[in-house]
Amino acid sequence: VLWLGSFYVMYGDVNPTVAYGYSQGAELDWLNVPRGLLGLSFDQEYGLLPYSPIFVASLLGAWLMARRREMRGYLIGVMLVIGPFLA
């Protein structure tokens, strides 16, 4: 609340993007989400997978857990814990 309040005091709006000159109606275009996720995953300079290939193993492990019925509950628990950090 204090963070948003500081934006209101400095810029007259609680939207954090106002500091970067956002325009009214500027919103997320859902068509760009897949391209953005691919860029965040495979970019040569800032991508996750070139610098942390262990995440490929984690995706493989999640797939294997999803295939086994007795492990699906654990996978759901892991996703409930990790999901908010990825969002």
Protein backbone atom coordinates (compact mmCIF):
# COMPACT_ATOMS: atom_id res chain seq x y z
CA VAL A 1 0.00 0.00 0.00
CA LEU A 2 2.87 2.37 0.81
CA TRP A 3 4.49 1.60 -2.54
CA LEU A 4 1.32 2.45 -4.45
CA GLY A 5 0.82 5.49 -2.26
CA SER A 6 4.27 6.75 -3.18
CA PHE A 7 3.31 6.56 -6.85
CA TYR A 8 0.17 8.54 -6.12
CA VAL A 9 2.17 11.23 -4.31
CA MET A 10 4.86 11.45 -7.00
CA TYR A 11 2.82 10.97 -10.18
CA GLY A 12 -0.83 11.46 -9.22
CA ASP A 13 -1.76 7.87 -10.08
CA VAL A 14 -1.41 4.54 -8.26
CA ASN A 15 -0.49 2.69 -11.45
CA PRO A 16 3.24 1.77 -11.23
CA THR A 17 3.66 2.07 -15.00
CA VAL A 18 2.87 5.78 -14.92
CA ALA A 19 6.57 6.46 -14.28
CA TYR A 20 7.34 5.00 -17.71
CA GLY A 21 4.82 7.11 -19.59
CA TYR A 22 2.00 4.63 -20.06
CA SER A 23 -0.92 5.70 -22.18
CA GLN A 24 -4.56 5.20 -21.36
CA GLY A 25 -5.72 1.92 -22.77
CA ALA A 26 -2.26 0.36 -22.72
CA GLU A 27 -2.90 -3.15 -21.52
CA LEU A 28 -1.62 -6.66 -21.87
CA ASP A 29 -2.10 -8.13 -25.31
CA TRP A 30 -2.64 -11.84 -24.71
CA LEU A 31 -1.36 -12.65 -28.20
CA ASN A 32 2.14 -11.62 -27.08
CA VAL A 33 2.23 -13.93 -24.05
CA PRO A 34 3.47 -17.08 -25.88
CA ARG A 35 6.19 -15.09 -27.66
CA GLY A 36 7.20 -13.49 -24.36
CA LEU A 37 7.40 -16.84 -22.58
CA LEU A 38 9.55 -18.26 -25.37
CA GLY A 39 11.81 -15.23 -25.15
CA LEU A 40 12.15 -15.52 -21.38
CA SER A 41 12.95 -19.21 -21.74
CA PHE A 42 15.35 -19.32 -24.68
CA ASP A 43 16.87 -15.83 -25.06
CA GLN A 44 20.66 -16.11 -25.45
CA GLU A 45 21.39 -13.16 -23.19
CA TYR A 46 18.67 -13.24 -20.51
CA GLY A 47 16.94 -16.57 -21.04
CA LEU A 48 16.32 -19.00 -18.23
CA LEU A 49 17.18 -22.27 -19.98
CA PRO A 50 20.61 -21.38 -21.45
CA TYR A 51 21.89 -20.41 -18.00
CA SER A 52 19.90 -22.85 -15.86
CA PRO A 53 19.37 -26.07 -17.83
CA ILE A 54 18.27 -27.82 -14.63
CA PHE A 55 14.81 -26.39 -15.32
CA VAL A 56 14.56 -28.72 -18.32
CA ALA A 57 15.04 -31.61 -15.90
CA SER A 58 12.34 -30.17 -13.63
CA LEU A 59 9.89 -30.05 -16.56
CA LEU A 60 10.75 -33.66 -17.38
CA GLY A 61 10.21 -34.61 -13.73
CA ALA A 62 6.85 -32.84 -13.65
CA TRP A 63 5.79 -34.69 -16.79
CA LEU A 64 6.83 -38.02 -15.24
CA MET A 65 4.96 -37.19 -12.03
CA ALA A 66 1.84 -36.33 -14.02
CA ARG A 67 1.94 -39.71 -15.74
CA ARG A 68 1.97 -41.69 -12.47
CA ARG A 69 -1.36 -41.68 -10.67
CA GLU A 70 0.14 -41.97 -7.17
CA MET A 71 2.42 -38.95 -7.78
CA ARG A 72 -0.22 -36.54 -9.13
CA GLY A 73 -1.14 -35.30 -5.65
CA TYR A 74 2.48 -34.39 -4.98
CA LEU A 75 2.68 -32.61 -8.33
CA ILE A 76 -0.42 -30.57 -7.53
CA GLY A 77 1.10 -29.63 -4.17
CA VAL A 78 4.36 -28.60 -5.80
CA MET A 79 2.53 -26.51 -8.39
CA LEU A 80 0.48 -24.80 -5.66
CA VAL A 81 3.70 -23.82 -3.91
CA ILE A 82 5.69 -22.84 -7.02
CA GLY A 83 2.82 -21.32 -9.04
CA PRO A 84 2.61 -18.00 -7.18
CA PHE A 85 6.33 -17.46 -7.68
CA LEU A 86 6.00 -17.98 -11.43
CA ALA A 87 2.97 -15.74 -11.81
